[in-house]
Amino acid sequence: IAMFFQLYLATVFLEMLLVTNIIPTASILYPFFTAAHLGL
């Protein structure tokens, strides 16, 4: 169950970076982080 909570923690962290523009949508890294977020 600790694995589940750790994955959820990583998912929330990535979502926070993406939806708040900390990683801008115009950035070349945005698609990679978004793909990682969807994977998580």
PDB file of all heavy atoms in Angstrom:
ATOM      1  N   ILE A   1       0.829  -1.206   0.000  1.00  0.00           N
ATOM      2  CA  ILE A   1       0.000   0.000   0.000  1.00  0.00           C
ATOM      3  C   ILE A   1       0.863   1.256   0.000  1.00  0.00           C
ATOM      4  O   ILE A   1       0.453   2.309  -0.520  1.00  0.00           O
ATOM      5  CB  ILE A   1      -0.968   0.010   1.209  1.00  0.00           C
ATOM      6  CG1 ILE A   1      -2.119   1.002   0.971  1.00  0.00           C
ATOM      7  CG2 ILE A   1      -0.243   0.335   2.491  1.00  0.00           C
ATOM      8  CD1 ILE A   1      -3.052   0.631  -0.141  1.00  0.00           C
ATOM      9  N   ALA A   2       2.073   1.154   0.558  1.00  0.00           N
ATOM     10  CA  ALA A   2       2.984   2.305   0.534  1.00  0.00           C
ATOM     11  C   ALA A   2       3.347   2.672  -0.900  1.00  0.00           C
ATOM     12  O   ALA A   2       3.506   3.859  -1.223  1.00  0.00           O
ATOM     13  CB  ALA A   2       4.248   1.993   1.335  1.00  0.00           C
ATOM     14  N   MET A   3       3.451   1.674  -1.781  1.00  0.00           N
ATOM     15  CA  MET A   3       3.728   1.955  -3.194  1.00  0.00           C
ATOM     16  C   MET A   3       2.629   2.810  -3.810  1.00  0.00           C
ATOM     17  O   MET A   3       2.896   3.737  -4.585  1.00  0.00           O
ATOM     18  CB  MET A   3       3.857   0.648  -3.983  1.00  0.00           C
ATOM     19  CG  MET A   3       5.034  -0.213  -3.624  1.00  0.00           C
ATOM     20  SD  MET A   3       5.080  -1.654  -4.722  1.00  0.00           S
ATOM     21  CE  MET A   3       6.163  -2.724  -3.787  1.00  0.00           C
ATOM     22  N   PHE A   4       1.379   2.489  -3.472  1.00  0.00           N
ATOM     23  CA  PHE A   4       0.253   3.261  -4.007  1.00  0.00           C
ATOM     24  C   PHE A   4       0.345   4.714  -3.582  1.00  0.00           C
ATOM     25  O   PHE A   4       0.195   5.630  -4.411  1.00  0.00           O
ATOM     26  CB  PHE A   4      -1.067   2.655  -3.535  1.00  0.00           C
ATOM     27  CG  PHE A   4      -2.240   3.579  -3.690  1.00  0.00           C
ATOM     28  CD1 PHE A   4      -2.759   3.853  -4.942  1.00  0.00           C
ATOM     29  CD2 PHE A   4      -2.811   4.191  -2.579  1.00  0.00           C
ATOM     30  CE1 PHE A   4      -3.832   4.728  -5.089  1.00  0.00           C
ATOM     31  CE2 PHE A   4      -3.887   5.054  -2.719  1.00  0.00           C
ATOM     32  CZ  PHE A   4      -4.394   5.325  -3.978  1.00  0.00           C
ATOM     33  N   PHE A   5       0.589   4.958  -2.304  1.00  0.00           N
ATOM     34  CA  PHE A   5       0.661   6.338  -1.819  1.00  0.00           C
ATOM     35  C   PHE A   5       1.865   7.074  -2.411  1.00  0.00           C
ATOM     36  O   PHE A   5       1.792   8.281  -2.677  1.00  0.00           O
ATOM     37  CB  PHE A   5       0.701   6.366  -0.298  1.00  0.00           C
ATOM     38  CG  PHE A   5      -0.587   5.946   0.348  1.00  0.00           C
ATOM     39  CD1 PHE A   5      -0.646   4.807   1.132  1.00  0.00           C
ATOM     40  CD2 PHE A   5      -1.745   6.669   0.157  1.00  0.00           C
ATOM     41  CE1 PHE A   5      -1.835   4.407   1.722  1.00  0.00           C
ATOM     42  CE2 PHE A   5      -2.942   6.281   0.737  1.00  0.00           C
ATOM     43  CZ  PHE A   5      -2.991   5.140   1.517  1.00  0.00           C
ATOM     44  N   GLN A   6       2.956   6.372  -2.626  1.00  0.00           N
ATOM     45  CA  GLN A   6       4.125   7.001  -3.236  1.00  0.00           C
ATOM     46  C   GLN A   6       3.849   7.388  -4.681  1.00  0.00           C
ATOM     47  O   GLN A   6       4.261   8.459  -5.145  1.00  0.00           O
ATOM     48  CB  GLN A   6       5.317   6.051  -3.144  1.00  0.00           C
ATOM     49  CG  GLN A   6       5.866   5.904  -1.734  1.00  0.00           C
ATOM     50  CD  GLN A   6       6.759   4.684  -1.564  1.00  0.00           C
ATOM     51  OE1 GLN A   6       6.850   3.824  -2.446  1.00  0.00           O
ATOM     52  NE2 GLN A   6       7.411   4.582  -0.418  1.00  0.00           N
ATOM     53  N   LEU A   7       3.135   6.532  -5.400  1.00  0.00           N
ATOM     54  CA  LEU A   7       2.766   6.853  -6.780  1.00  0.00           C
ATOM     55  C   LEU A   7       1.802   8.040  -6.821  1.00  0.00           C
ATOM     56  O   LEU A   7       1.915   8.916  -7.687  1.00  0.00           O
ATOM     57  CB  LEU A   7       2.136   5.636  -7.452  1.00  0.00           C
ATOM     58  CG  LEU A   7       3.095   4.513  -7.838  1.00  0.00           C
ATOM     59  CD1 LEU A   7       2.327   3.269  -8.267  1.00  0.00           C
ATOM     60  CD2 LEU A   7       4.024   4.966  -8.966  1.00  0.00           C
ATOM     61  N   TYR A   8       0.847   8.059  -5.899  1.00  0.00           N
ATOM     62  CA  TYR A   8      -0.081   9.186  -5.839  1.00  0.00           C
ATOM     63  C   TYR A   8       0.663  10.478  -5.527  1.00  0.00           C
ATOM     64  O   TYR A   8       0.373  11.542  -6.103  1.00  0.00           O
ATOM     65  CB  TYR A   8      -1.152   8.924  -4.783  1.00  0.00           C
ATOM     66  CG  TYR A   8      -2.067  10.106  -4.545  1.00  0.00           C
ATOM     67  CD1 TYR A   8      -3.020  10.477  -5.494  1.00  0.00           C
ATOM     68  CD2 TYR A   8      -1.973  10.858  -3.375  1.00  0.00           C
ATOM     69  CE1 TYR A   8      -3.849  11.572  -5.285  1.00  0.00           C
ATOM     70  CE2 TYR A   8      -2.799  11.948  -3.156  1.00  0.00           C
ATOM     71  CZ  TYR A   8      -3.733  12.300  -4.118  1.00  0.00           C
ATOM     72  OH  TYR A   8      -4.558  13.382  -3.902  1.00  0.00           O
ATOM     73  N   LEU A   9       1.640  10.409  -4.630  1.00  0.00           N
ATOM     74  CA  LEU A   9       2.451  11.579  -4.291  1.00  0.00           C
ATOM     75  C   LEU A   9       3.167  12.115  -5.530  1.00  0.00           C
ATOM     76  O   LEU A   9       3.159  13.323  -5.801  1.00  0.00           O
ATOM     77  CB  LEU A   9       3.473  11.196  -3.217  1.00  0.00           C
ATOM     78  CG  LEU A   9       4.344  12.325  -2.656  1.00  0.00           C
ATOM     79  CD1 LEU A   9       3.529  13.211  -1.725  1.00  0.00           C
ATOM     80  CD2 LEU A   9       5.542  11.757  -1.900  1.00  0.00           C
ATOM     81  N   ALA A  10       3.774  11.218  -6.307  1.00  0.00           N
ATOM     82  CA  ALA A  10       4.470  11.635  -7.527  1.00  0.00           C
ATOM     83  C   ALA A  10       3.496  12.205  -8.550  1.00  0.00           C
ATOM     84  O   ALA A  10       3.810  13.182  -9.253  1.00  0.00           O
ATOM     85  CB  ALA A  10       5.224  10.445  -8.119  1.00  0.00           C
ATOM     86  N   THR A  11       2.304  11.626  -8.646  1.00  0.00           N
ATOM     87  CA  THR A  11       1.292  12.109  -9.589  1.00  0.00           C
ATOM     88  C   THR A  11       0.863  13.526  -9.250  1.00  0.00           C
ATOM     89  O   THR A  11       0.774  14.399 -10.128  1.00  0.00           O
ATOM     90  CB  THR A  11       0.061  11.178  -9.568  1.00  0.00           C
ATOM     91  OG1 THR A  11       0.457   9.851  -9.872  1.00  0.00           O
ATOM     92  CG2 THR A  11      -0.973  11.637 -10.588  1.00  0.00           C
ATOM     93  N   VAL A  12       0.595  13.782  -7.974  1.00  0.00           N
ATOM     94  CA  VAL A  12       0.182  15.120  -7.536  1.00  0.00           C
ATOM     95  C   VAL A  12       1.294  16.129  -7.773  1.00  0.00           C
ATOM     96  O   VAL A  12       1.044  17.265  -8.225  1.00  0.00           O
ATOM     97  CB  VAL A  12      -0.218  15.100  -6.043  1.00  0.00           C
ATOM     98  CG1 VAL A  12      -0.444  16.516  -5.522  1.00  0.00           C
ATOM     99  CG2 VAL A  12      -1.465  14.261  -5.845  1.00  0.00           C
ATOM    100  N   PHE A  13       2.522  15.733  -7.506  1.00  0.00           N
ATOM    101  CA  PHE A  13       3.661  16.642  -7.692  1.00  0.00           C
ATOM    102  C   PHE A  13       3.800  17.048  -9.153  1.00  0.00           C
ATOM    103  O   PHE A  13       3.970  18.237  -9.476  1.00  0.00           O
ATOM    104  CB  PHE A  13       4.947  15.979  -7.197  1.00  0.00           C
ATOM    105  CG  PHE A  13       6.163  16.842  -7.341  1.00  0.00           C
ATOM    106  CD1 PHE A  13       6.342  17.950  -6.521  1.00  0.00           C
ATOM    107  CD2 PHE A  13       7.131  16.558  -8.293  1.00  0.00           C
ATOM    108  CE1 PHE A  13       7.464  18.769  -6.660  1.00  0.00           C
ATOM    109  CE2 PHE A  13       8.249  17.364  -8.431  1.00  0.00           C
ATOM    110  CZ  PHE A  13       8.420  18.471  -7.613  1.00  0.00           C
ATOM    111  N   LEU A  14       3.715  16.077 -10.064  1.00  0.00           N
ATOM    112  CA  LEU A  14       3.819  16.398 -11.487  1.00  0.00           C
ATOM    113  C   LEU A  14       2.645  17.242 -11.946  1.00  0.00           C
ATOM    114  O   LEU A  14       2.811  18.188 -12.723  1.00  0.00           O
ATOM    115  CB  LEU A  14       3.892  15.109 -12.313  1.00  0.00           C
ATOM    116  CG  LEU A  14       5.278  14.574 -12.659  1.00  0.00           C
ATOM    117  CD1 LEU A  14       5.178  13.405 -13.621  1.00  0.00           C
ATOM    118  CD2 LEU A  14       6.160  15.664 -13.253  1.00  0.00           C
ATOM    119  N   GLU A  15       1.458  16.904 -11.491  1.00  0.00           N
ATOM    120  CA  GLU A  15       0.280  17.689 -11.871  1.00  0.00           C
ATOM    121  C   GLU A  15       0.425  19.134 -11.409  1.00  0.00           C
ATOM    122  O   GLU A  15       0.070  20.067 -12.130  1.00  0.00           O
ATOM    123  CB  GLU A  15      -0.977  17.064 -11.262  1.00  0.00           C
ATOM    124  CG  GLU A  15      -2.254  17.795 -11.637  1.00  0.00           C
ATOM    125  CD  GLU A  15      -3.483  17.152 -11.024  1.00  0.00           C
ATOM    126  OE1 GLU A  15      -3.700  17.342  -9.811  1.00  0.00           O
ATOM    127  OE2 GLU A  15      -4.213  16.456 -11.762  1.00  0.00           O
ATOM    128  N   MET A  16       0.957  19.320 -10.213  1.00  0.00           N
ATOM    129  CA  MET A  16       1.160  20.662  -9.685  1.00  0.00           C
ATOM    130  C   MET A  16       2.100  21.465 -10.583  1.00  0.00           C
ATOM    131  O   MET A  16       1.860  22.639 -10.873  1.00  0.00           O
ATOM    132  CB  MET A  16       1.721  20.584  -8.267  1.00  0.00           C
ATOM    133  CG  MET A  16       1.950  21.928  -7.602  1.00  0.00           C
ATOM    134  SD  MET A  16       2.639  21.753  -5.942  1.00  0.00           S
ATOM    135  CE  MET A  16       4.281  21.105  -6.336  1.00  0.00           C
ATOM    136  N   LEU A  17       3.174  20.834 -11.035  1.00  0.00           N
ATOM    137  CA  LEU A  17       4.131  21.521 -11.902  1.00  0.00           C
ATOM    138  C   LEU A  17       3.512  21.901 -13.243  1.00  0.00           C
ATOM    139  O   LEU A  17       3.825  22.960 -13.813  1.00  0.00           O
ATOM    140  CB  LEU A  17       5.350  20.631 -12.138  1.00  0.00           C
ATOM    141  CG  LEU A  17       6.212  20.261 -10.930  1.00  0.00           C
ATOM    142  CD1 LEU A  17       7.378  19.382 -11.355  1.00  0.00           C
ATOM    143  CD2 LEU A  17       6.729  21.509 -10.226  1.00  0.00           C
ATOM    144  N   LEU A  18       2.616  21.056 -13.746  1.00  0.00           N
ATOM    145  CA  LEU A  18       2.069  21.253 -15.084  1.00  0.00           C
ATOM    146  C   LEU A  18       0.907  22.239 -15.109  1.00  0.00           C
ATOM    147  O   LEU A  18       0.864  23.133 -15.959  1.00  0.00           O
ATOM    148  CB  LEU A  18       1.624  19.910 -15.664  1.00  0.00           C
ATOM    149  CG  LEU A  18       2.759  18.916 -15.952  1.00  0.00           C
ATOM    150  CD1 LEU A  18       2.207  17.533 -16.235  1.00  0.00           C
ATOM    151  CD2 LEU A  18       3.607  19.398 -17.126  1.00  0.00           C
ATOM    152  N   VAL A  19      -0.047  22.099 -14.201  1.00  0.00           N
ATOM    153  CA  VAL A  19      -1.251  22.945 -14.267  1.00  0.00           C
ATOM    154  C   VAL A  19      -0.995  24.359 -13.775  1.00  0.00           C
ATOM    155  O   VAL A  19      -1.761  25.268 -14.091  1.00  0.00           O
ATOM    156  CB  VAL A  19      -2.420  22.320 -13.463  1.00  0.00           C
ATOM    157  CG1 VAL A  19      -2.753  20.940 -13.977  1.00  0.00           C
ATOM    158  CG2 VAL A  19      -2.124  22.299 -11.977  1.00  0.00           C
ATOM    159  N   THR A  20       0.077  24.571 -13.014  1.00  0.00           N
ATOM    160  CA  THR A  20       0.346  25.899 -12.460  1.00  0.00           C
ATOM    161  C   THR A  20       1.326  26.715 -13.302  1.00  0.00           C
ATOM    162  O   THR A  20       1.683  27.830 -12.920  1.00  0.00           O
ATOM    163  CB  THR A  20       0.922  25.772 -11.033  1.00  0.00           C
ATOM    164  OG1 THR A  20       2.133  25.018 -11.075  1.00  0.00           O
ATOM    165  CG2 THR A  20      -0.079  25.103 -10.113  1.00  0.00           C
ATOM    166  N   ASN A  21       1.773  26.163 -14.426  1.00  0.00           N
ATOM    167  CA  ASN A  21       2.697  26.842 -15.337  1.00  0.00           C
ATOM    168  C   ASN A  21       4.116  26.932 -14.791  1.00  0.00           C
ATOM    169  O   ASN A  21       4.940  27.688 -15.296  1.00  0.00           O
ATOM    170  CB  ASN A  21       2.200  28.264 -15.666  1.00  0.00           C
ATOM    171  CG  ASN A  21       2.855  28.837 -16.913  1.00  0.00           C
ATOM    172  OD1 ASN A  21       2.961  28.161 -17.936  1.00  0.00           O
ATOM    173  ND2 ASN A  21       3.309  30.084 -16.840  1.00  0.00           N
ATOM    174  N   ILE A  22       4.412  26.162 -13.743  1.00  0.00           N
ATOM    175  CA  ILE A  22       5.810  26.076 -13.299  1.00  0.00           C
ATOM    176  C   ILE A  22       6.643  25.470 -14.429  1.00  0.00           C
ATOM    177  O   ILE A  22       7.785  25.869 -14.667  1.00  0.00           O
ATOM    178  CB  ILE A  22       5.910  25.240 -12.011  1.00  0.00           C
ATOM    179  CG1 ILE A  22       5.189  25.956 -10.864  1.00  0.00           C
ATOM    180  CG2 ILE A  22       7.369  24.987 -11.634  1.00  0.00           C
ATOM    181  CD1 ILE A  22       5.130  25.184  -9.574  1.00  0.00           C
ATOM    182  N   ILE A  23       6.062  24.489 -15.117  1.00  0.00           N
ATOM    183  CA  ILE A  23       6.608  24.020 -16.396  1.00  0.00           C
ATOM    184  C   ILE A  23       5.695  24.593 -17.467  1.00  0.00           C
ATOM    185  O   ILE A  23       4.578  24.121 -17.650  1.00  0.00           O
ATOM    186  CB  ILE A  23       6.634  22.480 -16.477  1.00  0.00           C
ATOM    187  CG1 ILE A  23       7.509  21.908 -15.376  1.00  0.00           C
ATOM    188  CG2 ILE A  23       7.135  22.025 -17.838  1.00  0.00           C
ATOM    189  CD1 ILE A  23       7.533  20.393 -15.340  1.00  0.00           C
ATOM    190  N   PRO A  24       6.115  25.620 -18.190  1.00  0.00           N
ATOM    191  CA  PRO A  24       5.226  26.286 -19.151  1.00  0.00           C
ATOM    192  C   PRO A  24       4.813  25.345 -20.292  1.00  0.00           C
ATOM    193  O   PRO A  24       5.562  24.446 -20.682  1.00  0.00           O
ATOM    194  CB  PRO A  24       6.086  27.436 -19.685  1.00  0.00           C
ATOM    195  CG  PRO A  24       7.189  27.604 -18.695  1.00  0.00           C
ATOM    196  CD  PRO A  24       7.440  26.257 -18.119  1.00  0.00           C
ATOM    197  N   THR A  25       3.633  25.587 -20.810  1.00  0.00           N
ATOM    198  CA  THR A  25       3.147  24.759 -21.922  1.00  0.00           C
ATOM    199  C   THR A  25       4.010  24.925 -23.171  1.00  0.00           C
ATOM    200  O   THR A  25       4.060  24.034 -24.009  1.00  0.00           O
ATOM    201  CB  THR A  25       1.690  25.122 -22.256  1.00  0.00           C
ATOM    202  OG1 THR A  25       1.607  26.528 -22.537  1.00  0.00           O
ATOM    203  CG2 THR A  25       0.777  24.793 -21.084  1.00  0.00           C
ATOM    204  N   ALA A  26       4.676  26.068 -23.286  1.00  0.00           N
ATOM    205  CA  ALA A  26       5.542  26.304 -24.445  1.00  0.00           C
ATOM    206  C   ALA A  26       6.895  25.622 -24.318  1.00  0.00           C
ATOM    207  O   ALA A  26       7.657  25.556 -25.296  1.00  0.00           O
ATOM    208  CB  ALA A  26       5.745  27.805 -24.642  1.00  0.00           C
ATOM    209  N   SER A  27       7.192  25.095 -23.148  1.00  0.00           N
ATOM    210  CA  SER A  27       8.491  24.452 -22.925  1.00  0.00           C
ATOM    211  C   SER A  27       8.605  23.156 -23.720  1.00  0.00           C
ATOM    212  O   SER A  27       7.625  22.420 -23.889  1.00  0.00           O
ATOM    213  CB  SER A  27       8.686  24.171 -21.438  1.00  0.00           C
ATOM    214  OG  SER A  27       9.833  23.371 -21.216  1.00  0.00           O
ATOM    215  N   ILE A  28       9.789  22.854 -24.181  1.00  0.00           N
ATOM    216  CA  ILE A  28      10.029  21.609 -24.912  1.00  0.00           C
ATOM    217  C   ILE A  28       9.868  20.394 -24.007  1.00  0.00           C
ATOM    218  O   ILE A  28       9.643  19.272 -24.470  1.00  0.00           O
ATOM    219  CB  ILE A  28      11.452  21.631 -25.544  1.00  0.00           C
ATOM    220  CG1 ILE A  28      11.602  20.496 -26.552  1.00  0.00           C
ATOM    221  CG2 ILE A  28      12.523  21.560 -24.452  1.00  0.00           C
ATOM    222  CD1 ILE A  28      12.908  20.548 -27.315  1.00  0.00           C
ATOM    223  N   LEU A  29       9.967  20.615 -22.686  1.00  0.00           N
ATOM    224  CA  LEU A  29       9.831  19.517 -21.723  1.00  0.00           C
ATOM    225  C   LEU A  29       8.381  19.207 -21.379  1.00  0.00           C
ATOM    226  O   LEU A  29       8.099  18.141 -20.817  1.00  0.00           O
ATOM    227  CB  LEU A  29      10.588  19.870 -20.435  1.00  0.00           C
ATOM    228  CG  LEU A  29      12.100  20.052 -20.552  1.00  0.00           C
ATOM    229  CD1 LEU A  29      12.675  20.493 -19.214  1.00  0.00           C
ATOM    230  CD2 LEU A  29      12.771  18.765 -21.020  1.00  0.00           C
ATOM    231  N   TYR A  30       7.469  20.121 -21.700  1.00  0.00           N
ATOM    232  CA  TYR A  30       6.075  19.937 -21.282  1.00  0.00           C
ATOM    233  C   TYR A  30       5.473  18.620 -21.777  1.00  0.00           C
ATOM    234  O   TYR A  30       4.830  17.912 -20.982  1.00  0.00           O
ATOM    235  CB  TYR A  30       5.227  21.122 -21.742  1.00  0.00           C
ATOM    236  CG  TYR A  30       3.829  21.107 -21.158  1.00  0.00           C
ATOM    237  CD1 TYR A  30       3.568  21.710 -19.932  1.00  0.00           C
ATOM    238  CD2 TYR A  30       2.768  20.481 -21.819  1.00  0.00           C
ATOM    239  CE1 TYR A  30       2.289  21.695 -19.375  1.00  0.00           C
ATOM    240  CE2 TYR A  30       1.497  20.455 -21.266  1.00  0.00           C
ATOM    241  CZ  TYR A  30       1.258  21.067 -20.057  1.00  0.00           C
ATOM    242  OH  TYR A  30       0.005  21.031 -19.509  1.00  0.00           O
ATOM    243  N   PRO A  31       5.636  18.247 -23.051  1.00  0.00           N
ATOM    244  CA  PRO A  31       5.051  16.965 -23.493  1.00  0.00           C
ATOM    245  C   PRO A  31       5.608  15.760 -22.741  1.00  0.00           C
ATOM    246  O   PRO A  31       4.868  14.805 -22.465  1.00  0.00           O
ATOM    247  CB  PRO A  31       5.418  16.902 -24.979  1.00  0.00           C
ATOM    248  CG  PRO A  31       5.652  18.319 -25.380  1.00  0.00           C
ATOM    249  CD  PRO A  31       6.247  18.972 -24.171  1.00  0.00           C
ATOM    250  N   PHE A  32       6.891  15.790 -22.390  1.00  0.00           N
ATOM    251  CA  PHE A  32       7.500  14.656 -21.690  1.00  0.00           C
ATOM    252  C   PHE A  32       6.962  14.544 -20.256  1.00  0.00           C
ATOM    253  O   PHE A  32       6.654  13.442 -19.787  1.00  0.00           O
ATOM    254  CB  PHE A  32       9.026  14.810 -21.673  1.00  0.00           C
ATOM    255  CG  PHE A  32       9.648  14.743 -23.036  1.00  0.00           C
ATOM    256  CD1 PHE A  32       9.945  15.895 -23.749  1.00  0.00           C
ATOM    257  CD2 PHE A  32       9.924  13.516 -23.625  1.00  0.00           C
ATOM    258  CE1 PHE A  32      10.513  15.833 -25.003  1.00  0.00           C
ATOM    259  CE2 PHE A  32      10.499  13.430 -24.885  1.00  0.00           C
ATOM    260  CZ  PHE A  32      10.790  14.601 -25.574  1.00  0.00           C
ATOM    261  N   PHE A  33       6.847  15.692 -19.584  1.00  0.00           N
ATOM    262  CA  PHE A  33       6.306  15.667 -18.223  1.00  0.00           C
ATOM    263  C   PHE A  33       4.817  15.295 -18.228  1.00  0.00           C
ATOM    264  O   PHE A  33       4.347  14.612 -17.318  1.00  0.00           O
ATOM    265  CB  PHE A  33       6.510  17.016 -17.537  1.00  0.00           C
ATOM    266  CG  PHE A  33       7.883  17.201 -16.966  1.00  0.00           C
ATOM    267  CD1 PHE A  33       8.886  17.845 -17.682  1.00  0.00           C
ATOM    268  CD2 PHE A  33       8.189  16.725 -15.701  1.00  0.00           C
ATOM    269  CE1 PHE A  33      10.150  18.005 -17.150  1.00  0.00           C
ATOM    270  CE2 PHE A  33       9.460  16.884 -15.153  1.00  0.00           C
ATOM    271  CZ  PHE A  33      10.440  17.524 -15.888  1.00  0.00           C
ATOM    272  N   THR A  34       4.097  15.745 -19.257  1.00  0.00           N
ATOM    273  CA  THR A  34       2.685  15.384 -19.355  1.00  0.00           C
ATOM    274  C   THR A  34       2.522  13.894 -19.608  1.00  0.00           C
ATOM    275  O   THR A  34       1.649  13.237 -19.015  1.00  0.00           O
ATOM    276  CB  THR A  34       2.010  16.181 -20.485  1.00  0.00           C
ATOM    277  OG1 THR A  34       2.169  17.585 -20.242  1.00  0.00           O
ATOM    278  CG2 THR A  34       0.525  15.849 -20.575  1.00  0.00           C
ATOM    279  N   ALA A  35       3.356  13.343 -20.476  1.00  0.00           N
ATOM    280  CA  ALA A  35       3.319  11.901 -20.728  1.00  0.00           C
ATOM    281  C   ALA A  35       3.629  11.125 -19.452  1.00  0.00           C
ATOM    282  O   ALA A  35       2.984  10.110 -19.153  1.00  0.00           O
ATOM    283  CB  ALA A  35       4.317  11.534 -21.828  1.00  0.00           C
ATOM    284  N   ALA A  36       4.604  11.614 -18.678  1.00  0.00           N
ATOM    285  CA  ALA A  36       4.932  10.966 -17.406  1.00  0.00           C
ATOM    286  C   ALA A  36       3.769  11.075 -16.434  1.00  0.00           C
ATOM    287  O   ALA A  36       3.464  10.117 -15.701  1.00  0.00           O
ATOM    288  CB  ALA A  36       6.186  11.593 -16.809  1.00  0.00           C
ATOM    289  N   HIS A  37       3.099  12.223 -16.430  1.00  0.00           N
ATOM    290  CA  HIS A  37       1.951  12.397 -15.533  1.00  0.00           C
ATOM    291  C   HIS A  37       0.814  11.439 -15.891  1.00  0.00           C
ATOM    292  O   HIS A  37       0.224  10.791 -15.018  1.00  0.00           O
ATOM    293  CB  HIS A  37       1.453  13.839 -15.605  1.00  0.00           C
ATOM    294  CG  HIS A  37       0.193  14.078 -14.832  1.00  0.00           C
ATOM    295  ND1 HIS A  37      -1.023  14.294 -15.440  1.00  0.00           N
ATOM    296  CD2 HIS A  37      -0.053  14.111 -13.493  1.00  0.00           C
ATOM    297  CE1 HIS A  37      -1.956  14.450 -14.524  1.00  0.00           C
ATOM    298  NE2 HIS A  37      -1.396  14.348 -13.338  1.00  0.00           N
ATOM    299  N   LEU A  38       0.512  11.331 -17.183  1.00  0.00           N
ATOM    300  CA  LEU A  38      -0.542  10.404 -17.610  1.00  0.00           C
ATOM    301  C   LEU A  38      -0.161   8.961 -17.283  1.00  0.00           C
ATOM    302  O   LEU A  38      -1.009   8.153 -16.890  1.00  0.00           O
ATOM    303  CB  LEU A  38      -0.789  10.559 -19.110  1.00  0.00           C
ATOM    304  CG  LEU A  38      -1.342  11.916 -19.562  1.00  0.00           C
ATOM    305  CD1 LEU A  38      -1.450  11.968 -21.072  1.00  0.00           C
ATOM    306  CD2 LEU A  38      -2.685  12.195 -18.922  1.00  0.00           C
ATOM    307  N   GLY A  39       1.124   8.646 -17.444  1.00  0.00           N
ATOM    308  CA  GLY A  39       1.598   7.317 -17.076  1.00  0.00           C
ATOM    309  C   GLY A  39       1.431   7.055 -15.592  1.00  0.00           C
ATOM    310  O   GLY A  39       1.032   5.957 -15.190  1.00  0.00           O
ATOM    311  N   LEU A  40       1.699   8.065 -14.769  1.00  0.00           N
ATOM    312  CA  LEU A  40       1.557   7.903 -13.320  1.00  0.00           C
ATOM    313  C   LEU A  40       0.100   7.775 -12.907  1.00  0.00           C
ATOM    314  O   LEU A  40      -0.224   7.039 -11.971  1.00  0.00           O
ATOM    315  CB  LEU A  40       2.200   9.090 -12.599  1.00  0.00           C
ATOM    316  CG  LEU A  40       3.726   9.062 -12.481  1.00  0.00           C
ATOM    317  CD1 LEU A  40       4.241  10.383 -11.923  1.00  0.00           C
ATOM    318  CD2 LEU A  40       4.182   7.903 -11.598  1.00  0.00           C
TER     319      LEU A  40
END
